[in-house]
Amino acid sequence: MIKKLFHAIFLVIAIIPYVIYRIGSFFVGKNGAFISMSQFLSLFPGFLGSYIRGGFYRIAMNEFPQSCAVGFLTTFSSPDIRIGHNTDFSTGANIGRCHIGADCMIGTYVMVTGGKNQHRFDSRDIPIRLQGGEFQPITIGRDCWVGNGAIIMADLGEGCVIAAGSVVTKPIPPYSIAAGVPAKVIGERP
């Protein structure tokens, strides 16, 4: 009962940063304003910070359930992210455009990119920053555990375990255990 009351109070408090975000989107665009507010809110420590971040993301993102927790210094790069129920983000995670299923654990300083092809570099005559790219939302299936410091650049099937420090560059099949740089399947969950 007390936890539900906290969620409700912080949902009301989150209206203030949400209004600032909406006003800011007229000046710097929707994604720019969202990233700025995400970075600002990431600086509030402790459970109060987690509650205010949760309230803001519930209002501002496509799908962000009340049952999710967002740790200190964790940022999201777009409001077009979908998060499933009971998913926890530890300290310092950086989450790009993605869809993350329910019951996932995202470790400390994990990075989920917006796909492998964000930046093109085919031409030597054109600066990389001007060559464009494409955002391909990453999908992380339900019940995954992504270890500290992992970088996710490809889809994870349901029930995957990704070892700390791994760099996932190719899709990982469901219920696999993967590790390494680049990550390779080293086992399967029983």
C-alpha atoms as a PDB file:
ATOM      1  CA  MET A   1       0.000   0.000   0.000  1.00  0.00           C
ATOM      2  CA  ILE A   2       2.801   2.420   0.941  1.00  0.00           C
ATOM      3  CA  LYS A   3       4.728   1.517  -2.225  1.00  0.00           C
ATOM      4  CA  LYS A   4       1.655   2.277  -4.369  1.00  0.00           C
ATOM      5  CA  LEU A   5       1.257   5.595  -2.579  1.00  0.00           C
ATOM      6  CA  PHE A   6       4.922   6.467  -3.322  1.00  0.00           C
ATOM      7  CA  HIS A   7       4.414   5.587  -6.991  1.00  0.00           C
ATOM      8  CA  ALA A   8       1.326   7.813  -7.158  1.00  0.00           C
ATOM      9  CA  ILE A   9       3.033  10.753  -5.419  1.00  0.00           C
ATOM     10  CA  PHE A  10       6.086  10.571  -7.669  1.00  0.00           C
ATOM     11  CA  LEU A  11       3.931  10.209 -10.762  1.00  0.00           C
ATOM     12  CA  VAL A  12       2.381  13.585  -9.865  1.00  0.00           C
ATOM     13  CA  ILE A  13       5.837  15.070  -9.129  1.00  0.00           C
ATOM     14  CA  ALA A  14       7.075  13.741 -12.511  1.00  0.00           C
ATOM     15  CA  ILE A  15       4.587  15.987 -14.289  1.00  0.00           C
ATOM     16  CA  ILE A  16       6.982  18.918 -13.714  1.00  0.00           C
ATOM     17  CA  PRO A  17       9.944  17.395 -15.618  1.00  0.00           C
ATOM     18  CA  TYR A  18       7.490  16.072 -18.211  1.00  0.00           C
ATOM     19  CA  VAL A  19       6.158  19.578 -18.908  1.00  0.00           C
ATOM     20  CA  ILE A  20       9.735  20.898 -19.144  1.00  0.00           C
ATOM     21  CA  TYR A  21      10.562  18.065 -21.569  1.00  0.00           C
ATOM     22  CA  ARG A  22       7.528  18.866 -23.740  1.00  0.00           C
ATOM     23  CA  ILE A  23       8.404  22.566 -23.827  1.00  0.00           C
ATOM     24  CA  GLY A  24      12.047  21.738 -24.597  1.00  0.00           C
ATOM     25  CA  SER A  25      10.989  19.523 -27.504  1.00  0.00           C
ATOM     26  CA  PHE A  26       9.815  22.651 -29.370  1.00  0.00           C
ATOM     27  CA  PHE A  27      13.362  24.032 -29.214  1.00  0.00           C
ATOM     28  CA  VAL A  28      15.653  20.991 -29.568  1.00  0.00           C
ATOM     29  CA  GLY A  29      13.286  18.303 -30.856  1.00  0.00           C
ATOM     30  CA  LYS A  30      11.578  15.429 -29.067  1.00  0.00           C
ATOM     31  CA  ASN A  31      14.649  13.166 -28.782  1.00  0.00           C
ATOM     32  CA  GLY A  32      17.015  15.973 -27.770  1.00  0.00           C
ATOM     33  CA  ALA A  33      14.683  17.148 -25.023  1.00  0.00           C
ATOM     34  CA  PHE A  34      14.059  13.577 -23.857  1.00  0.00           C
ATOM     35  CA  ILE A  35      17.784  12.790 -23.644  1.00  0.00           C
ATOM     36  CA  SER A  36      18.430  16.020 -21.719  1.00  0.00           C
ATOM     37  CA  MET A  37      15.708  15.251 -19.174  1.00  0.00           C
ATOM     38  CA  SER A  38      16.858  11.627 -18.874  1.00  0.00           C
ATOM     39  CA  GLN A  39      20.404  12.797 -18.120  1.00  0.00           C
ATOM     40  CA  PHE A  40      19.162  15.332 -15.583  1.00  0.00           C
ATOM     41  CA  LEU A  41      16.922  12.851 -13.758  1.00  0.00           C
ATOM     42  CA  SER A  42      19.686  10.229 -13.713  1.00  0.00           C
ATOM     43  CA  LEU A  43      21.585  12.426 -11.235  1.00  0.00           C
ATOM     44  CA  PHE A  44      19.081  11.975  -8.373  1.00  0.00           C
ATOM     45  CA  PRO A  45      20.414   9.232  -6.060  1.00  0.00           C
ATOM     46  CA  GLY A  46      18.661   6.595  -3.981  1.00  0.00           C
ATOM     47  CA  PHE A  47      15.130   5.291  -3.953  1.00  0.00           C
ATOM     48  CA  LEU A  48      13.658   8.800  -4.327  1.00  0.00           C
ATOM     49  CA  GLY A  49      15.591   9.223  -7.569  1.00  0.00           C
ATOM     50  CA  SER A  50      14.380   5.835  -8.764  1.00  0.00           C
ATOM     51  CA  TYR A  51      10.759   6.787  -8.035  1.00  0.00           C
ATOM     52  CA  ILE A  52      10.951  10.153  -9.818  1.00  0.00           C
ATOM     53  CA  ARG A  53      12.669   8.568 -12.850  1.00  0.00           C
ATOM     54  CA  GLY A  54      10.031   5.850 -12.910  1.00  0.00           C
ATOM     55  CA  GLY A  55       7.238   8.427 -12.785  1.00  0.00           C
ATOM     56  CA  PHE A  56       8.733  10.463 -15.623  1.00  0.00           C
ATOM     57  CA  TYR A  57       9.362   7.434 -17.850  1.00  0.00           C
ATOM     58  CA  ARG A  58       5.836   6.129 -17.255  1.00  0.00           C
ATOM     59  CA  ILE A  59       4.491   9.396 -18.680  1.00  0.00           C
ATOM     60  CA  ALA A  60       7.092  10.086 -21.373  1.00  0.00           C
ATOM     61  CA  MET A  61       7.932   6.663 -22.868  1.00  0.00           C
ATOM     62  CA  ASN A  62       5.844   4.388 -25.079  1.00  0.00           C
ATOM     63  CA  GLU A  63       5.791   1.599 -22.522  1.00  0.00           C
ATOM     64  CA  PHE A  64       7.311   1.763 -19.052  1.00  0.00           C
ATOM     65  CA  PRO A  65       5.435  -0.141 -16.299  1.00  0.00           C
ATOM     66  CA  GLN A  66       5.297   0.999 -12.694  1.00  0.00           C
ATOM     67  CA  SER A  67       7.048  -2.227 -11.631  1.00  0.00           C
ATOM     68  CA  CYS A  68      10.367  -1.214 -13.254  1.00  0.00           C
ATOM     69  CA  ALA A  69      13.295   0.303 -11.381  1.00  0.00           C
ATOM     70  CA  VAL A  70      15.896   2.660 -12.859  1.00  0.00           C
ATOM     71  CA  GLY A  71      19.212   3.044 -11.063  1.00  0.00           C
ATOM     72  CA  PHE A  72      21.346   6.127 -10.480  1.00  0.00           C
ATOM     73  CA  LEU A  73      23.062   7.514 -13.632  1.00  0.00           C
ATOM     74  CA  THR A  74      20.992   5.326 -15.988  1.00  0.00           C
ATOM     75  CA  THR A  75      19.838   7.125 -19.131  1.00  0.00           C
ATOM     76  CA  PHE A  76      17.498   6.371 -22.024  1.00  0.00           C
ATOM     77  CA  SER A  77      18.104   7.833 -25.489  1.00  0.00           C
ATOM     78  CA  SER A  78      14.567   7.890 -26.854  1.00  0.00           C
ATOM     79  CA  PRO A  79      10.946   7.915 -25.718  1.00  0.00           C
ATOM     80  CA  ASP A  80      10.319   5.188 -28.345  1.00  0.00           C
ATOM     81  CA  ILE A  81      11.648   2.471 -26.043  1.00  0.00           C
ATOM     82  CA  ARG A  82       9.394  -0.311 -24.734  1.00  0.00           C
ATOM     83  CA  ILE A  83      10.119  -1.971 -21.394  1.00  0.00           C
ATOM     84  CA  GLY A  84       8.320  -5.008 -19.920  1.00  0.00           C
ATOM     85  CA  HIS A  85       7.081  -5.449 -16.342  1.00  0.00           C
ATOM     86  CA  ASN A  86       9.533  -6.036 -13.481  1.00  0.00           C
ATOM     87  CA  THR A  87      12.632  -5.077 -15.454  1.00  0.00           C
ATOM     88  CA  ASP A  88      15.425  -3.513 -13.404  1.00  0.00           C
ATOM     89  CA  PHE A  89      18.203  -1.238 -14.631  1.00  0.00           C
ATOM     90  CA  SER A  90      21.249  -0.978 -12.400  1.00  0.00           C
ATOM     91  CA  THR A  91      23.576   2.014 -12.041  1.00  0.00           C
ATOM     92  CA  GLY A  92      24.936   3.771 -15.116  1.00  0.00           C
ATOM     93  CA  ALA A  93      23.180   1.841 -17.875  1.00  0.00           C
ATOM     94  CA  ASN A  94      22.785   3.604 -21.235  1.00  0.00           C
ATOM     95  CA  ILE A  95      19.742   2.358 -23.129  1.00  0.00           C
ATOM     96  CA  GLY A  96      19.259   3.116 -26.825  1.00  0.00           C
ATOM     97  CA  ARG A  97      16.205   2.385 -28.965  1.00  0.00           C
ATOM     98  CA  CYS A  98      15.097  -1.092 -27.979  1.00  0.00           C
ATOM     99  CA  HIS A  99      12.332  -3.368 -26.782  1.00  0.00           C
ATOM    100  CA  ILE A 100      13.116  -5.136 -23.509  1.00  0.00           C
ATOM    101  CA  GLY A 101      10.850  -7.895 -22.261  1.00  0.00           C
ATOM    102  CA  ALA A 102       9.491  -8.489 -18.776  1.00  0.00           C
ATOM    103  CA  ASP A 103      11.521  -9.743 -15.818  1.00  0.00           C
ATOM    104  CA  CYS A 104      14.939  -8.690 -17.156  1.00  0.00           C
ATOM    105  CA  MET A 105      17.939  -7.589 -15.118  1.00  0.00           C
ATOM    106  CA  ILE A 106      20.221  -5.045 -16.779  1.00  0.00           C
ATOM    107  CA  GLY A 107      23.539  -4.767 -14.950  1.00  0.00           C
ATOM    108  CA  THR A 108      25.724  -1.834 -14.010  1.00  0.00           C
ATOM    109  CA  TYR A 109      27.120   0.222 -16.914  1.00  0.00           C
ATOM    110  CA  VAL A 110      25.432  -1.895 -19.592  1.00  0.00           C
ATOM    111  CA  MET A 111      25.020  -0.241 -22.993  1.00  0.00           C
ATOM    112  CA  VAL A 112      22.201  -1.197 -25.336  1.00  0.00           C
ATOM    113  CA  THR A 113      22.804   0.490 -28.687  1.00  0.00           C
ATOM    114  CA  GLY A 114      20.249   1.316 -31.367  1.00  0.00           C
ATOM    115  CA  GLY A 115      21.696  -1.419 -33.603  1.00  0.00           C
ATOM    116  CA  LYS A 116      24.955  -2.242 -35.382  1.00  0.00           C
ATOM    117  CA  ASN A 117      24.585   0.145 -38.322  1.00  0.00           C
ATOM    118  CA  GLN A 118      24.127   3.502 -36.625  1.00  0.00           C
ATOM    119  CA  HIS A 119      27.078   5.016 -38.467  1.00  0.00           C
ATOM    120  CA  ARG A 120      28.190   4.380 -42.024  1.00  0.00           C
ATOM    121  CA  PHE A 121      31.833   4.739 -42.984  1.00  0.00           C
ATOM    122  CA  ASP A 122      31.906   3.506 -46.609  1.00  0.00           C
ATOM    123  CA  SER A 123      33.482   6.642 -48.103  1.00  0.00           C
ATOM    124  CA  ARG A 124      36.888   8.039 -47.258  1.00  0.00           C
ATOM    125  CA  ASP A 125      35.942  11.343 -48.920  1.00  0.00           C
ATOM    126  CA  ILE A 126      32.983  12.107 -46.645  1.00  0.00           C
ATOM    127  CA  PRO A 127      33.361  12.520 -42.858  1.00  0.00           C
ATOM    128  CA  ILE A 128      31.755   9.627 -40.990  1.00  0.00           C
ATOM    129  CA  ARG A 129      29.431  12.003 -39.157  1.00  0.00           C
ATOM    130  CA  LEU A 130      27.916  13.014 -42.523  1.00  0.00           C
ATOM    131  CA  GLN A 131      27.456   9.506 -43.949  1.00  0.00           C
ATOM    132  CA  GLY A 132      24.299   8.722 -42.007  1.00  0.00           C
ATOM    133  CA  GLY A 133      23.238   5.382 -40.664  1.00  0.00           C
ATOM    134  CA  GLU A 134      20.174   3.548 -39.521  1.00  0.00           C
ATOM    135  CA  PHE A 135      18.705   2.835 -36.145  1.00  0.00           C
ATOM    136  CA  GLN A 136      17.528  -0.741 -35.764  1.00  0.00           C
ATOM    137  CA  PRO A 137      15.860  -1.231 -32.389  1.00  0.00           C
ATOM    138  CA  ILE A 138      17.387  -4.076 -30.402  1.00  0.00           C
ATOM    139  CA  THR A 139      15.039  -6.677 -28.921  1.00  0.00           C
ATOM    140  CA  ILE A 140      15.887  -8.273 -25.592  1.00  0.00           C
ATOM    141  CA  GLY A 141      13.526 -11.139 -24.798  1.00  0.00           C
ATOM    142  CA  ARG A 142      11.823 -11.687 -21.497  1.00  0.00           C
ATOM    143  CA  ASP A 143      13.723 -13.069 -18.479  1.00  0.00           C
ATOM    144  CA  CYS A 144      17.227 -12.041 -19.607  1.00  0.00           C
ATOM    145  CA  TRP A 145      20.149 -11.161 -17.387  1.00  0.00           C
ATOM    146  CA  VAL A 146      22.763  -8.835 -18.892  1.00  0.00           C
ATOM    147  CA  GLY A 147      25.931  -8.685 -16.797  1.00  0.00           C
ATOM    148  CA  ASN A 148      27.845  -5.555 -15.786  1.00  0.00           C
ATOM    149  CA  GLY A 149      29.584  -3.620 -18.538  1.00  0.00           C
ATOM    150  CA  ALA A 150      28.121  -5.635 -21.428  1.00  0.00           C
ATOM    151  CA  ILE A 151      27.449  -3.940 -24.763  1.00  0.00           C
ATOM    152  CA  ILE A 152      24.370  -5.174 -26.617  1.00  0.00           C
ATOM    153  CA  MET A 153      24.359  -4.482 -30.376  1.00  0.00           C
ATOM    154  CA  ALA A 154      22.094  -7.359 -31.507  1.00  0.00           C
ATOM    155  CA  ASP A 155      18.934  -9.147 -30.375  1.00  0.00           C
ATOM    156  CA  LEU A 156      18.812 -11.463 -27.370  1.00  0.00           C
ATOM    157  CA  GLY A 157      16.318 -14.311 -27.318  1.00  0.00           C
ATOM    158  CA  GLU A 158      14.126 -15.040 -24.330  1.00  0.00           C
ATOM    159  CA  GLY A 159      15.908 -16.244 -21.206  1.00  0.00           C
ATOM    160  CA  CYS A 160      19.480 -15.341 -22.227  1.00  0.00           C
ATOM    161  CA  VAL A 161      22.336 -14.751 -19.802  1.00  0.00           C
ATOM    162  CA  ILE A 162      25.077 -12.426 -21.052  1.00  0.00           C
ATOM    163  CA  ALA A 163      28.354 -12.447 -19.119  1.00  0.00           C
ATOM    164  CA  ALA A 164      29.817  -9.248 -17.726  1.00  0.00           C
ATOM    165  CA  GLY A 165      31.974  -7.325 -20.199  1.00  0.00           C
ATOM    166  CA  SER A 166      30.648  -9.169 -23.251  1.00  0.00           C
ATOM    167  CA  VAL A 167      30.023  -7.437 -26.576  1.00  0.00           C
ATOM    168  CA  VAL A 168      27.028  -8.918 -28.394  1.00  0.00           C
ATOM    169  CA  THR A 169      27.378  -8.261 -32.133  1.00  0.00           C
ATOM    170  CA  LYS A 170      25.173 -11.099 -33.479  1.00  0.00           C
ATOM    171  CA  PRO A 171      21.749 -12.355 -32.346  1.00  0.00           C
ATOM    172  CA  ILE A 172      21.835 -14.773 -29.406  1.00  0.00           C
ATOM    173  CA  PRO A 173      19.315 -17.673 -29.448  1.00  0.00           C
ATOM    174  CA  PRO A 174      16.790 -18.137 -26.607  1.00  0.00           C
ATOM    175  CA  TYR A 175      18.033 -19.581 -23.295  1.00  0.00           C
ATOM    176  CA  SER A 176      21.690 -19.232 -24.296  1.00  0.00           C
ATOM    177  CA  ILE A 177      24.581 -18.256 -22.070  1.00  0.00           C
ATOM    178  CA  ALA A 178      26.994 -16.034 -23.997  1.00  0.00           C
ATOM    179  CA  ALA A 179      30.341 -14.465 -23.129  1.00  0.00           C
ATOM    180  CA  GLY A 180      33.321 -12.792 -24.735  1.00  0.00           C
ATOM    181  CA  VAL A 181      34.312 -10.116 -27.214  1.00  0.00           C
ATOM    182  CA  PRO A 182      32.576 -10.700 -29.519  1.00  0.00           C
ATOM    183  CA  ALA A 183      30.085 -12.723 -27.484  1.00  0.00           C
ATOM    184  CA  LYS A 184      29.755 -16.390 -28.357  1.00  0.00           C
ATOM    185  CA  VAL A 185      27.318 -18.942 -26.980  1.00  0.00           C
ATOM    186  CA  ILE A 186      29.160 -20.971 -24.324  1.00  0.00           C
ATOM    187  CA  GLY A 187      26.220 -22.866 -22.903  1.00  0.00           C
ATOM    188  CA  GLU A 188      22.504 -23.171 -22.498  1.00  0.00           C
ATOM    189  CA  ARG A 189      20.283 -22.631 -19.495  1.00  0.00           C
ATOM    190  CA  PRO A 190      18.992 -25.946 -18.148  1.00  0.00           C
END
